[in-house]
Full PDB file with SEQRES, HELIX, SHEET, SSBOND, CRYST1, ORIGX, SCALE, CONECT and MASTER records, all heavy atoms in Angstrom:
SEQRES   1 A   42  ILE ILE LEU ILE GLY VAL LEU ASP SER ILE LYS ILE THR          
SEQRES   2 A   42  ARG TYR GLU MET PHE THR SER ARG GLN GLY ASP PHE GLN          
SEQRES   3 A   42  ILE LYS TYR PRO SER TYR TRP LYS VAL VAL HIS ASN PRO          
SEQRES   4 A   42  GLY LEU LYS                                                  
HELIX    1 AA1 ILE A    2  SER A    9  1                                   8    
SHEET    1 AA1 2 TYR A  15  THR A  19  0                                        
SHEET    2 AA1 2 GLN A  26  PRO A  30 -1                                        
CRYST1    1.000    1.000    1.000  90.00  90.00  90.00 P 1           1          
ORIGX1      1.000000  0.000000  0.000000        0.00000                         
ORIGX2      0.000000  1.000000  0.000000        0.00000                         
ORIGX3      0.000000  0.000000  1.000000        0.00000                         
SCALE1      1.000000  0.000000  0.000000        0.00000                         
SCALE2      0.000000  1.000000  0.000000        0.00000                         
SCALE3      0.000000  0.000000  1.000000        0.00000                         
ATOM      1  N   ILE A   1     145.360  81.969 119.254  1.00  0.00           N  
ATOM      2  CA  ILE A   1     144.450  80.814 119.302  1.00  0.00           C  
ATOM      3  C   ILE A   1     144.790  79.919 120.486  1.00  0.00           C  
ATOM      4  O   ILE A   1     143.916  79.428 121.199  1.00  0.00           O  
ATOM      5  CB  ILE A   1     144.527  80.021 117.978  1.00  0.00           C  
ATOM      6  CG1 ILE A   1     143.944  80.875 116.835  1.00  0.00           C  
ATOM      7  CG2 ILE A   1     143.760  78.698 118.099  1.00  0.00           C  
ATOM      8  CD1 ILE A   1     144.116  80.245 115.467  1.00  0.00           C  
ATOM      9  N   ILE A   2     146.084  79.699 120.709  1.00  0.00           N  
ATOM     10  CA  ILE A   2     146.511  78.871 121.848  1.00  0.00           C  
ATOM     11  C   ILE A   2     146.076  79.501 123.157  1.00  0.00           C  
ATOM     12  O   ILE A   2     145.589  78.829 124.072  1.00  0.00           O  
ATOM     13  CB  ILE A   2     148.038  78.677 121.831  1.00  0.00           C  
ATOM     14  CG1 ILE A   2     148.436  77.792 120.637  1.00  0.00           C  
ATOM     15  CG2 ILE A   2     148.522  78.042 123.134  1.00  0.00           C  
ATOM     16  CD1 ILE A   2     149.930  77.696 120.431  1.00  0.00           C  
ATOM     17  N   LEU A   3     146.246  80.837 123.256  1.00  0.00           N  
ATOM     18  CA  LEU A   3     145.865  81.549 124.477  1.00  0.00           C  
ATOM     19  C   LEU A   3     144.372  81.418 124.748  1.00  0.00           C  
ATOM     20  O   LEU A   3     143.954  81.171 125.883  1.00  0.00           O  
ATOM     21  CB  LEU A   3     146.238  83.029 124.364  1.00  0.00           C  
ATOM     22  CG  LEU A   3     145.853  83.925 125.545  1.00  0.00           C  
ATOM     23  CD1 LEU A   3     146.556  83.441 126.815  1.00  0.00           C  
ATOM     24  CD2 LEU A   3     146.211  85.377 125.264  1.00  0.00           C  
ATOM     25  N   ILE A   4     143.560  81.542 123.703  1.00  0.00           N  
ATOM     26  CA  ILE A   4     142.100  81.398 123.860  1.00  0.00           C  
ATOM     27  C   ILE A   4     141.767  80.000 124.359  1.00  0.00           C  
ATOM     28  O   ILE A   4     140.920  79.811 125.243  1.00  0.00           O  
ATOM     29  CB  ILE A   4     141.379  81.667 122.523  1.00  0.00           C  
ATOM     30  CG1 ILE A   4     141.514  83.150 122.137  1.00  0.00           C  
ATOM     31  CG2 ILE A   4     139.904  81.296 122.619  1.00  0.00           C  
ATOM     32  CD1 ILE A   4     140.897  84.111 123.116  1.00  0.00           C  
ATOM     33  N   GLY A   5     142.456  78.982 123.801  1.00  0.00           N  
ATOM     34  CA  GLY A   5     142.209  77.607 124.228  1.00  0.00           C  
ATOM     35  C   GLY A   5     142.587  77.382 125.674  1.00  0.00           C  
ATOM     36  O   GLY A   5     141.869  76.704 126.414  1.00  0.00           O  
ATOM     37  N   VAL A   6     143.717  77.948 126.104  1.00  0.00           N  
ATOM     38  CA  VAL A   6     144.152  77.806 127.490  1.00  0.00           C  
ATOM     39  C   VAL A   6     143.170  78.468 128.439  1.00  0.00           C  
ATOM     40  O   VAL A   6     142.783  77.907 129.464  1.00  0.00           O  
ATOM     41  CB  VAL A   6     145.568  78.410 127.675  1.00  0.00           C  
ATOM     42  CG1 VAL A   6     145.917  78.485 129.151  1.00  0.00           C  
ATOM     43  CG2 VAL A   6     146.593  77.582 126.925  1.00  0.00           C  
ATOM     44  N   LEU A   7     142.747  79.684 128.102  1.00  0.00           N  
ATOM     45  CA  LEU A   7     141.805  80.403 128.963  1.00  0.00           C  
ATOM     46  C   LEU A   7     140.474  79.672 129.058  1.00  0.00           C  
ATOM     47  O   LEU A   7     139.831  79.652 130.102  1.00  0.00           O  
ATOM     48  CB  LEU A   7     141.580  81.826 128.429  1.00  0.00           C  
ATOM     49  CG  LEU A   7     142.781  82.769 128.552  1.00  0.00           C  
ATOM     50  CD1 LEU A   7     142.467  84.109 127.880  1.00  0.00           C  
ATOM     51  CD2 LEU A   7     143.171  82.979 129.996  1.00  0.00           C  
ATOM     52  N   ASP A   8     140.064  79.040 127.952  1.00  0.00           N  
ATOM     53  CA  ASP A   8     138.800  78.305 127.955  1.00  0.00           C  
ATOM     54  C   ASP A   8     138.895  77.063 128.819  1.00  0.00           C  
ATOM     55  O   ASP A   8     137.921  76.629 129.435  1.00  0.00           O  
ATOM     56  CB  ASP A   8     138.419  77.915 126.526  1.00  0.00           C  
ATOM     57  CG  ASP A   8     137.073  77.207 126.472  1.00  0.00           C  
ATOM     58  OD1 ASP A   8     136.067  77.837 126.839  1.00  0.00           O  
ATOM     59  OD2 ASP A   8     137.042  76.030 126.072  1.00  0.00           O  
ATOM     60  N   SER A   9     140.096  76.453 128.861  1.00  0.00           N  
ATOM     61  CA  SER A   9     140.258  75.222 129.645  1.00  0.00           C  
ATOM     62  C   SER A   9     140.390  75.505 131.137  1.00  0.00           C  
ATOM     63  O   SER A   9     140.161  74.629 131.958  1.00  0.00           O  
ATOM     64  CB  SER A   9     141.489  74.452 129.155  1.00  0.00           C  
ATOM     65  OG  SER A   9     142.666  75.190 129.414  1.00  0.00           O  
ATOM     66  N   ILE A  10     140.791  76.735 131.497  1.00  0.00           N  
ATOM     67  CA  ILE A  10     140.941  77.099 132.902  1.00  0.00           C  
ATOM     68  C   ILE A  10     139.608  77.643 133.409  1.00  0.00           C  
ATOM     69  O   ILE A  10     139.254  78.796 133.183  1.00  0.00           O  
ATOM     70  CB  ILE A  10     142.056  78.147 133.102  1.00  0.00           C  
ATOM     71  CG1 ILE A  10     143.392  77.608 132.597  1.00  0.00           C  
ATOM     72  CG2 ILE A  10     142.162  78.533 134.573  1.00  0.00           C  
ATOM     73  CD1 ILE A  10     144.513  78.615 132.649  1.00  0.00           C  
ATOM     74  N   LYS A  11     138.841  76.812 134.059  1.00  0.00           N  
ATOM     75  CA  LYS A  11     137.541  77.228 134.571  1.00  0.00           C  
ATOM     76  C   LYS A  11     137.652  77.486 136.063  1.00  0.00           C  
ATOM     77  O   LYS A  11     137.917  76.581 136.839  1.00  0.00           O  
ATOM     78  CB  LYS A  11     136.492  76.152 134.277  1.00  0.00           C  
ATOM     79  CG  LYS A  11     136.292  75.922 132.779  1.00  0.00           C  
ATOM     80  CD  LYS A  11     135.256  74.855 132.507  1.00  0.00           C  
ATOM     81  CE  LYS A  11     135.070  74.645 131.018  1.00  0.00           C  
ATOM     82  NZ  LYS A  11     134.098  73.571 130.717  1.00  0.00           N  
ATOM     83  N   ILE A  12     137.483  78.720 136.437  1.00  0.00           N  
ATOM     84  CA  ILE A  12     137.614  79.101 137.833  1.00  0.00           C  
ATOM     85  C   ILE A  12     136.317  78.774 138.563  1.00  0.00           C  
ATOM     86  O   ILE A  12     135.245  79.237 138.182  1.00  0.00           O  
ATOM     87  CB  ILE A  12     137.937  80.602 137.957  1.00  0.00           C  
ATOM     88  CG1 ILE A  12     139.264  80.903 137.253  1.00  0.00           C  
ATOM     89  CG2 ILE A  12     138.000  81.012 139.423  1.00  0.00           C  
ATOM     90  CD1 ILE A  12     139.615  82.369 137.218  1.00  0.00           C  
ATOM     91  N   THR A  13     136.416  77.955 139.592  1.00  0.00           N  
ATOM     92  CA  THR A  13     135.251  77.566 140.376  1.00  0.00           C  
ATOM     93  C   THR A  13     135.130  78.469 141.596  1.00  0.00           C  
ATOM     94  O   THR A  13     136.084  78.610 142.353  1.00  0.00           O  
ATOM     95  CB  THR A  13     135.375  76.095 140.828  1.00  0.00           C  
ATOM     96  OG1 THR A  13     135.470  75.259 139.672  1.00  0.00           O  
ATOM     97  CG2 THR A  13     134.160  75.682 141.643  1.00  0.00           C  
ATOM     98  N   ARG A  14     133.970  79.059 141.768  1.00  0.00           N  
ATOM     99  CA  ARG A  14     133.709  79.865 142.949  1.00  0.00           C  
ATOM    100  C   ARG A  14     133.067  78.980 144.017  1.00  0.00           C  
ATOM    101  O   ARG A  14     132.219  78.145 143.725  1.00  0.00           O  
ATOM    102  CB  ARG A  14     132.800  81.041 142.606  1.00  0.00           C  
ATOM    103  CG  ARG A  14     133.388  81.988 141.584  1.00  0.00           C  
ATOM    104  CD  ARG A  14     132.537  83.220 141.405  1.00  0.00           C  
ATOM    105  NE  ARG A  14     132.467  83.994 142.639  1.00  0.00           N  
ATOM    106  CZ  ARG A  14     131.835  85.162 142.743  1.00  0.00           C  
ATOM    107  NH1 ARG A  14     131.219  85.686 141.699  1.00  0.00           N  
ATOM    108  NH2 ARG A  14     131.820  85.803 143.896  1.00  0.00           N  
ATOM    109  N   TYR A  15     133.480  79.189 145.257  1.00  0.00           N  
ATOM    110  CA  TYR A  15     132.978  78.371 146.358  1.00  0.00           C  
ATOM    111  C   TYR A  15     132.192  79.224 147.351  1.00  0.00           C  
ATOM    112  O   TYR A  15     132.465  80.409 147.525  1.00  0.00           O  
ATOM    113  CB  TYR A  15     134.143  77.689 147.090  1.00  0.00           C  
ATOM    114  CG  TYR A  15     134.824  76.610 146.275  1.00  0.00           C  
ATOM    115  CD1 TYR A  15     135.827  76.934 145.369  1.00  0.00           C  
ATOM    116  CD2 TYR A  15     134.448  75.273 146.403  1.00  0.00           C  
ATOM    117  CE1 TYR A  15     136.450  75.951 144.610  1.00  0.00           C  
ATOM    118  CE2 TYR A  15     135.073  74.285 145.651  1.00  0.00           C  
ATOM    119  CZ  TYR A  15     136.069  74.632 144.754  1.00  0.00           C  
ATOM    120  OH  TYR A  15     136.676  73.658 144.005  1.00  0.00           O  
ATOM    121  N   GLU A  16     131.211  78.570 147.967  1.00  0.00           N  
ATOM    122  CA  GLU A  16     130.460  79.192 149.049  1.00  0.00           C  
ATOM    123  C   GLU A  16     130.670  78.358 150.310  1.00  0.00           C  
ATOM    124  O   GLU A  16     131.047  77.193 150.241  1.00  0.00           O  
ATOM    125  CB  GLU A  16     128.962  79.270 148.702  1.00  0.00           C  
ATOM    126  CG  GLU A  16     128.662  80.221 147.554  1.00  0.00           C  
ATOM    127  CD  GLU A  16     127.169  80.388 147.316  1.00  0.00           C  
ATOM    128  OE1 GLU A  16     126.373  79.856 148.129  1.00  0.00           O  
ATOM    129  OE2 GLU A  16     126.806  81.017 146.315  1.00  0.00           O  
ATOM    130  N   MET A  17     130.414  78.976 151.448  1.00  0.00           N  
ATOM    131  CA  MET A  17     130.605  78.267 152.724  1.00  0.00           C  
ATOM    132  C   MET A  17     129.271  77.730 153.231  1.00  0.00           C  
ATOM    133  O   MET A  17     128.289  78.461 153.318  1.00  0.00           O  
ATOM    134  CB  MET A  17     131.208  79.215 153.760  1.00  0.00           C  
ATOM    135  CG  MET A  17     131.566  78.535 155.070  1.00  0.00           C  
ATOM    136  SD  MET A  17     132.907  77.320 154.884  1.00  0.00           S  
ATOM    137  CE  MET A  17     134.324  78.433 154.756  1.00  0.00           C  
ATOM    138  N   PHE A  18     129.250  76.450 153.533  1.00  0.00           N  
ATOM    139  CA  PHE A  18     128.070  75.803 154.105  1.00  0.00           C  
ATOM    140  C   PHE A  18     128.306  75.571 155.581  1.00  0.00           C  
ATOM    141  O   PHE A  18     129.359  75.068 155.980  1.00  0.00           O  
ATOM    142  CB  PHE A  18     127.785  74.471 153.410  1.00  0.00           C  
ATOM    143  CG  PHE A  18     126.728  73.646 154.090  1.00  0.00           C  
ATOM    144  CD1 PHE A  18     125.391  73.829 153.792  1.00  0.00           C  
ATOM    145  CD2 PHE A  18     127.074  72.686 155.041  1.00  0.00           C  
ATOM    146  CE1 PHE A  18     124.401  73.074 154.429  1.00  0.00           C  
ATOM    147  CE2 PHE A  18     126.104  71.929 155.674  1.00  0.00           C  
ATOM    148  CZ  PHE A  18     124.765  72.120 155.372  1.00  0.00           C  
ATOM    149  N   THR A  19     127.326  75.924 156.398  1.00  0.00           N  
ATOM    150  CA  THR A  19     127.374  75.657 157.833  1.00  0.00           C  
ATOM    151  C   THR A  19     126.221  74.726 158.181  1.00  0.00           C  
ATOM    152  O   THR A  19     125.074  74.980 157.797  1.00  0.00           O  
ATOM    153  CB  THR A  19     127.244  76.950 158.660  1.00  0.00           C  
ATOM    154  OG1 THR A  19     128.307  77.842 158.294  1.00  0.00           O  
ATOM    155  CG2 THR A  19     127.341  76.656 160.153  1.00  0.00           C  
ATOM    156  N   SER A  20     126.502  73.637 158.869  1.00  0.00           N  
ATOM    157  CA  SER A  20     125.454  72.672 159.210  1.00  0.00           C  
ATOM    158  C   SER A  20     124.399  73.312 160.102  1.00  0.00           C  
ATOM    159  O   SER A  20     124.676  74.273 160.826  1.00  0.00           O  
ATOM    160  CB  SER A  20     126.062  71.456 159.919  1.00  0.00           C  
ATOM    161  OG  SER A  20     126.535  71.818 161.205  1.00  0.00           O  
ATOM    162  N   ARG A  21     123.203  72.795 160.042  1.00  0.00           N  
ATOM    163  CA  ARG A  21     122.107  73.341 160.848  1.00  0.00           C  
ATOM    164  C   ARG A  21     122.364  73.175 162.335  1.00  0.00           C  
ATOM    165  O   ARG A  21     121.861  73.947 163.150  1.00  0.00           O  
ATOM    166  CB  ARG A  21     120.791  72.663 160.450  1.00  0.00           C  
ATOM    167  CG  ARG A  21     120.302  73.081 159.061  1.00  0.00           C  
ATOM    168  CD  ARG A  21     119.060  72.321 158.638  1.00  0.00           C  
ATOM    169  NE  ARG A  21     118.525  72.856 157.390  1.00  0.00           N  
ATOM    170  CZ  ARG A  21     117.514  72.319 156.725  1.00  0.00           C  
ATOM    171  NH1 ARG A  21     116.938  71.210 157.192  1.00  0.00           N  
ATOM    172  NH2 ARG A  21     117.081  72.869 155.603  1.00  0.00           N  
ATOM    173  N   GLN A  22     123.152  72.173 162.702  1.00  0.00           N  
ATOM    174  CA  GLN A  22     123.505  71.973 164.108  1.00  0.00           C  
ATOM    175  C   GLN A  22     124.656  72.884 164.525  1.00  0.00           C  
ATOM    176  O   GLN A  22     124.995  72.970 165.709  1.00  0.00           O  
ATOM    177  CB  GLN A  22     123.901  70.509 164.357  1.00  0.00           C  
ATOM    178  CG  GLN A  22     122.760  69.527 164.242  1.00  0.00           C  
ATOM    179  CD  GLN A  22     122.467  69.157 162.789  1.00  0.00           C  
ATOM    180  OE1 GLN A  22     123.192  69.553 161.878  1.00  0.00           O  
ATOM    181  NE2 GLN A  22     121.408  68.398 162.565  1.00  0.00           N  
ATOM    182  N   GLY A  23     125.284  73.531 163.542  1.00  0.00           N  
ATOM    183  CA  GLY A  23     126.380  74.434 163.839  1.00  0.00           C  
ATOM    184  C   GLY A  23     127.653  73.745 164.280  1.00  0.00           C  
ATOM    185  O   GLY A  23     128.495  74.351 164.941  1.00  0.00           O  
ATOM    186  N   ASP A  24     127.813  72.462 163.904  1.00  0.00           N  
ATOM    187  CA  ASP A  24     129.007  71.738 164.348  1.00  0.00           C  
ATOM    188  C   ASP A  24     130.146  71.742 163.336  1.00  0.00           C  
ATOM    189  O   ASP A  24     131.299  71.490 163.695  1.00  0.00           O  
ATOM    190  CB  ASP A  24     128.649  70.298 164.733  1.00  0.00           C  
ATOM    191  CG  ASP A  24     127.902  69.574 163.626  1.00  0.00           C  
ATOM    192  OD1 ASP A  24     127.247  70.236 162.802  1.00  0.00           O  
ATOM    193  OD2 ASP A  24     127.955  68.322 163.596  1.00  0.00           O  
ATOM    194  N   PHE A  25     129.857  72.025 162.046  1.00  0.00           N  
ATOM    195  CA  PHE A  25     130.941  72.055 161.067  1.00  0.00           C  
ATOM    196  C   PHE A  25     130.624  73.000 159.907  1.00  0.00           C  
ATOM    197  O   PHE A  25     129.471  73.389 159.681  1.00  0.00           O  
ATOM    198  CB  PHE A  25     131.234  70.648 160.520  1.00  0.00           C  
ATOM    199  CG  PHE A  25     130.127  70.083 159.644  1.00  0.00           C  
ATOM    200  CD1 PHE A  25     130.048  70.398 158.289  1.00  0.00           C  
ATOM    201  CD2 PHE A  25     129.174  69.224 160.175  1.00  0.00           C  
ATOM    202  CE1 PHE A  25     129.037  69.875 157.486  1.00  0.00           C  
ATOM    203  CE2 PHE A  25     128.163  68.690 159.387  1.00  0.00           C  
ATOM    204  CZ  PHE A  25     128.101  69.028 158.038  1.00  0.00           C  
ATOM    205  N   GLN A  26     131.671  73.348 159.180  1.00  0.00           N  
ATOM    206  CA  GLN A  26     131.565  74.137 157.957  1.00  0.00           C  
ATOM    207  C   GLN A  26     132.339  73.446 156.854  1.00  0.00           C  
ATOM    208  O   GLN A  26     133.280  72.701 157.112  1.00  0.00           O  
ATOM    209  CB  GLN A  26     132.149  75.548 158.147  1.00  0.00           C  
ATOM    210  CG  GLN A  26     131.249  76.518 158.864  1.00  0.00           C  
ATOM    211  CD  GLN A  26     131.817  77.925 158.874  1.00  0.00           C  
ATOM    212  OE1 GLN A  26     133.039  78.111 158.776  1.00  0.00           O  
ATOM    213  NE2 GLN A  26     130.971  78.927 158.996  1.00  0.00           N  
ATOM    214  N   ILE A  27     131.928  73.719 155.604  1.00  0.00           N  
ATOM    215  CA  ILE A  27     132.654  73.176 154.459  1.00  0.00           C  
ATOM    216  C   ILE A  27     132.372  74.058 153.247  1.00  0.00           C  
ATOM    217  O   ILE A  27     131.261  74.583 153.084  1.00  0.00           O  
ATOM    218  CB  ILE A  27     132.241  71.711 154.172  1.00  0.00           C  
ATOM    219  CG1 ILE A  27     133.138  71.108 153.085  1.00  0.00           C  
ATOM    220  CG2 ILE A  27     130.776  71.607 153.782  1.00  0.00           C  
ATOM    221  CD1 ILE A  27     132.937  69.606 152.882  1.00  0.00           C  
ATOM    222  N   LYS A  28     133.370  74.242 152.394  1.00  0.00           N  
ATOM    223  CA  LYS A  28     133.175  74.986 151.156  1.00  0.00           C  
ATOM    224  C   LYS A  28     132.645  74.043 150.087  1.00  0.00           C  
ATOM    225  O   LYS A  28     132.989  72.856 150.074  1.00  0.00           O  
ATOM    226  CB  LYS A  28     134.492  75.602 150.690  1.00  0.00           C  
ATOM    227  CG  LYS A  28     134.997  76.740 151.547  1.00  0.00           C  
ATOM    228  CD  LYS A  28     136.288  77.302 150.980  1.00  0.00           C  
ATOM    229  CE  LYS A  28     136.792  78.468 151.815  1.00  0.00           C  
ATOM    230  NZ  LYS A  28     138.072  78.999 151.285  1.00  0.00           N  
ATOM    231  N   TYR A  29     131.824  74.581 149.183  1.00  0.00           N  
ATOM    232  CA  TYR A  29     131.308  73.773 148.085  1.00  0.00           C  
ATOM    233  C   TYR A  29     131.165  74.656 146.840  1.00  0.00           C  
ATOM    234  O   TYR A  29     130.993  75.887 146.959  1.00  0.00           O  
ATOM    235  CB  TYR A  29     129.953  73.155 148.463  1.00  0.00           C  
ATOM    236  CG  TYR A  29     128.828  74.160 148.592  1.00  0.00           C  
ATOM    237  CD1 TYR A  29     127.956  74.409 147.533  1.00  0.00           C  
ATOM    238  CD2 TYR A  29     128.642  74.888 149.777  1.00  0.00           C  
ATOM    239  CE1 TYR A  29     126.923  75.336 147.652  1.00  0.00           C  
ATOM    240  CE2 TYR A  29     127.622  75.817 149.897  1.00  0.00           C  
ATOM    241  CZ  TYR A  29     126.770  76.030 148.826  1.00  0.00           C  
ATOM    242  OH  TYR A  29     125.760  76.959 148.933  1.00  0.00           O  
ATOM    243  N   PRO A  30     131.222  74.073 145.627  1.00  0.00           N  
ATOM    244  CA  PRO A  30     131.053  74.851 144.406  1.00  0.00           C  
ATOM    245  C   PRO A  30     129.705  75.573 144.414  1.00  0.00           C  
ATOM    246  O   PRO A  30     128.672  74.947 144.677  1.00  0.00           O  
ATOM    247  CB  PRO A  30     131.124  73.795 143.298  1.00  0.00           C  
ATOM    248  CG  PRO A  30     131.965  72.707 143.887  1.00  0.00           C  
ATOM    249  CD  PRO A  30     131.563  72.662 145.334  1.00  0.00           C  
ATOM    250  N   SER A  31     129.718  76.860 144.131  1.00  0.00           N  
ATOM    251  CA  SER A  31     128.509  77.672 144.277  1.00  0.00           C  
ATOM    252  C   SER A  31     127.370  77.241 143.360  1.00  0.00           C  
ATOM    253  O   SER A  31     126.205  77.519 143.649  1.00  0.00           O  
ATOM    254  CB  SER A  31     128.843  79.146 144.011  1.00  0.00           C  
ATOM    255  OG  SER A  31     129.387  79.309 142.708  1.00  0.00           O  
ATOM    256  N   TYR A  32     127.683  76.548 142.279  1.00  0.00           N  
ATOM    257  CA  TYR A  32     126.635  76.153 141.331  1.00  0.00           C  
ATOM    258  C   TYR A  32     126.134  74.723 141.578  1.00  0.00           C  
ATOM    259  O   TYR A  32     125.304  74.217 140.810  1.00  0.00           O  
ATOM    260  CB  TYR A  32     127.136  76.290 139.888  1.00  0.00           C  
ATOM    261  CG  TYR A  32     128.379  75.506 139.570  1.00  0.00           C  
ATOM    262  CD1 TYR A  32     128.290  74.238 139.013  1.00  0.00           C  
ATOM    263  CD2 TYR A  32     129.645  76.020 139.822  1.00  0.00           C  
ATOM    264  CE1 TYR A  32     129.413  73.500 138.722  1.00  0.00           C  
ATOM    265  CE2 TYR A  32     130.787  75.299 139.533  1.00  0.00           C  
ATOM    266  CZ  TYR A  32     130.671  74.044 138.973  1.00  0.00           C  
ATOM    267  OH  TYR A  32     131.802  73.326 138.699  1.00  0.00           O  
ATOM    268  N   TRP A  33     126.603  74.068 142.637  1.00  0.00           N  
ATOM    269  CA  TRP A  33     126.100  72.740 142.984  1.00  0.00           C  
ATOM    270  C   TRP A  33     124.847  72.869 143.844  1.00  0.00           C  
ATOM    271  O   TRP A  33     124.688  73.814 144.613  1.00  0.00           O  
ATOM    272  CB  TRP A  33     127.150  71.951 143.743  1.00  0.00           C  
ATOM    273  CG  TRP A  33     128.266  71.431 142.884  1.00  0.00           C  
ATOM    274  CD1 TRP A  33     128.689  71.918 141.691  1.00  0.00           C  
ATOM    275  CD2 TRP A  33     129.112  70.313 143.173  1.00  0.00           C  
ATOM    276  NE1 TRP A  33     129.746  71.185 141.210  1.00  0.00           N  
ATOM    277  CE2 TRP A  33     130.032  70.194 142.097  1.00  0.00           C  
ATOM    278  CE3 TRP A  33     129.201  69.410 144.220  1.00  0.00           C  
ATOM    279  CZ2 TRP A  33     131.009  69.205 142.051  1.00  0.00           C  
ATOM    280  CZ3 TRP A  33     130.177  68.424 144.189  1.00  0.00           C  
ATOM    281  CH2 TRP A  33     131.065  68.318 143.114  1.00  0.00           C  
ATOM    282  N   LYS A  34     123.964  71.897 143.724  1.00  0.00           N  
ATOM    283  CA  LYS A  34     122.728  71.880 144.506  1.00  0.00           C  
ATOM    284  C   LYS A  34     123.005  71.369 145.919  1.00  0.00           C  
ATOM    285  O   LYS A  34     123.728  70.394 146.110  1.00  0.00           O  
ATOM    286  CB  LYS A  34     121.698  70.980 143.826  1.00  0.00           C  
ATOM    287  CG  LYS A  34     120.345  70.947 144.519  1.00  0.00           C  
ATOM    288  CD  LYS A  34     119.369  70.055 143.765  1.00  0.00           C  
ATOM    289  CE  LYS A  34     118.021  70.007 144.443  1.00  0.00           C  
ATOM    290  NZ  LYS A  34     117.065  69.129 143.709  1.00  0.00           N  
ATOM    291  N   VAL A  35     122.409  72.037 146.905  1.00  0.00           N  
ATOM    292  CA  VAL A  35     122.567  71.640 148.310  1.00  0.00           C  
ATOM    293  C   VAL A  35     121.277  70.962 148.772  1.00  0.00           C  
ATOM    294  O   VAL A  35     120.198  71.538 148.675  1.00  0.00           O  
ATOM    295  CB  VAL A  35     122.869  72.856 149.211  1.00  0.00           C  
ATOM    296  CG1 VAL A  35     123.009  72.413 150.671  1.00  0.00           C  
ATOM    297  CG2 VAL A  35     124.130  73.570 148.742  1.00  0.00           C  
ATOM    298  N   VAL A  36     121.398  69.736 149.269  1.00  0.00           N  
ATOM    299  CA  VAL A  36     120.231  68.986 149.743  1.00  0.00           C  
ATOM    300  C   VAL A  36     120.449  68.626 151.206  1.00  0.00           C  
ATOM    301  O   VAL A  36     121.347  67.835 151.536  1.00  0.00           O  
ATOM    302  CB  VAL A  36     120.007  67.704 148.916  1.00  0.00           C  
ATOM    303  CG1 VAL A  36     118.776  66.958 149.434  1.00  0.00           C  
ATOM    304  CG2 VAL A  36     119.846  68.038 147.445  1.00  0.00           C  
ATOM    305  N   HIS A  37     119.656  69.197 152.092  1.00  0.00           N  
ATOM    306  CA  HIS A  37     119.752  68.900 153.519  1.00  0.00           C  
ATOM    307  C   HIS A  37     119.094  67.556 153.823  1.00  0.00           C  
ATOM    308  O   HIS A  37     118.052  67.210 153.255  1.00  0.00           O  
ATOM    309  CB  HIS A  37     119.049  69.981 154.336  1.00  0.00           C  
ATOM    310  CG  HIS A  37     119.748  71.310 154.296  1.00  0.00           C  
ATOM    311  ND1 HIS A  37     120.738  71.668 155.178  1.00  0.00           N  
ATOM    312  CD2 HIS A  37     119.596  72.369 153.454  1.00  0.00           C  
ATOM    313  CE1 HIS A  37     121.159  72.889 154.892  1.00  0.00           C  
ATOM    314  NE2 HIS A  37     120.485  73.338 153.852  1.00  0.00           N  
ATOM    315  N   ASN A  38     119.712  66.793 154.702  1.00  0.00           N  
ATOM    316  CA  ASN A  38     119.173  65.502 155.139  1.00  0.00           C  
ATOM    317  C   ASN A  38     118.655  64.667 153.966  1.00  0.00           C  
ATOM    318  O   ASN A  38     117.481  64.299 153.914  1.00  0.00           O  
ATOM    319  CB  ASN A  38     118.039  65.716 156.148  1.00  0.00           C  
ATOM    320  CG  ASN A  38     118.489  66.514 157.346  1.00  0.00           C  
ATOM    321  OD1 ASN A  38     119.556  66.270 157.894  1.00  0.00           O  
ATOM    322  ND2 ASN A  38     117.685  67.486 157.749  1.00  0.00           N  
ATOM    323  N   PRO A  39     119.523  64.403 152.988  1.00  0.00           N  
ATOM    324  CA  PRO A  39     119.078  63.661 151.800  1.00  0.00           C  
ATOM    325  C   PRO A  39     118.583  62.271 152.165  1.00  0.00           C  
ATOM    326  O   PRO A  39     119.172  61.589 153.001  1.00  0.00           O  
ATOM    327  CB  PRO A  39     120.347  63.590 150.940  1.00  0.00           C  
ATOM    328  CG  PRO A  39     121.464  63.701 151.930  1.00  0.00           C  
ATOM    329  CD  PRO A  39     120.968  64.650 152.983  1.00  0.00           C  
ATOM    330  N   GLY A  40     117.512  61.861 151.533  1.00  0.00           N  
ATOM    331  CA  GLY A  40     116.958  60.534 151.813  1.00  0.00           C  
ATOM    332  C   GLY A  40     117.672  59.472 151.012  1.00  0.00           C  
ATOM    333  O   GLY A  40     117.096  58.875 150.101  1.00  0.00           O  
ATOM    334  N   LEU A  41     118.928  59.244 151.325  1.00  0.00           N  
ATOM    335  CA  LEU A  41     119.709  58.245 150.604  1.00  0.00           C  
ATOM    336  C   LEU A  41     119.333  56.853 151.080  1.00  0.00           C  
ATOM    337  O   LEU A  41     119.268  56.597 152.274  1.00  0.00           O  
ATOM    338  CB  LEU A  41     121.212  58.482 150.827  1.00  0.00           C  
ATOM    339  CG  LEU A  41     121.743  59.857 150.377  1.00  0.00           C  
ATOM    340  CD1 LEU A  41     123.226  59.970 150.729  1.00  0.00           C  
ATOM    341  CD2 LEU A  41     121.541  60.042 148.887  1.00  0.00           C  
ATOM    342  N   LYS A  42     119.105  55.967 150.136  1.00  0.00           N  
ATOM    343  CA  LYS A  42     118.693  54.609 150.459  1.00  0.00           C  
ATOM    344  C   LYS A  42     119.760  53.920 151.299  1.00  0.00           C  
ATOM    345  O   LYS A  42     120.915  53.805 150.905  1.00  0.00           O  
ATOM    346  CB  LYS A  42     118.453  53.820 149.167  1.00  0.00           C  
ATOM    347  CG  LYS A  42     117.876  52.425 149.411  1.00  0.00           C  
ATOM    348  CD  LYS A  42     117.590  51.733 148.094  1.00  0.00           C  
ATOM    349  CE  LYS A  42     117.011  50.343 148.331  1.00  0.00           C  
ATOM    350  NZ  LYS A  42     116.741  49.650 147.058  1.00  0.00           N  
TER     351      LYS A  42                                                      
MASTER        0    0    0    1    2    0    0    6  350    1    0    4          
END                                                                             
């Protein structure tokens, strides 16, 4: 039971590589997160 609880608490996050449209930088991000280019932040 303890082992099942430990395995459930260890959530492995997979990352993907994002490259900017200008090609000036790269960054890894969680694969299940939404990517929004040029967000219209107030």
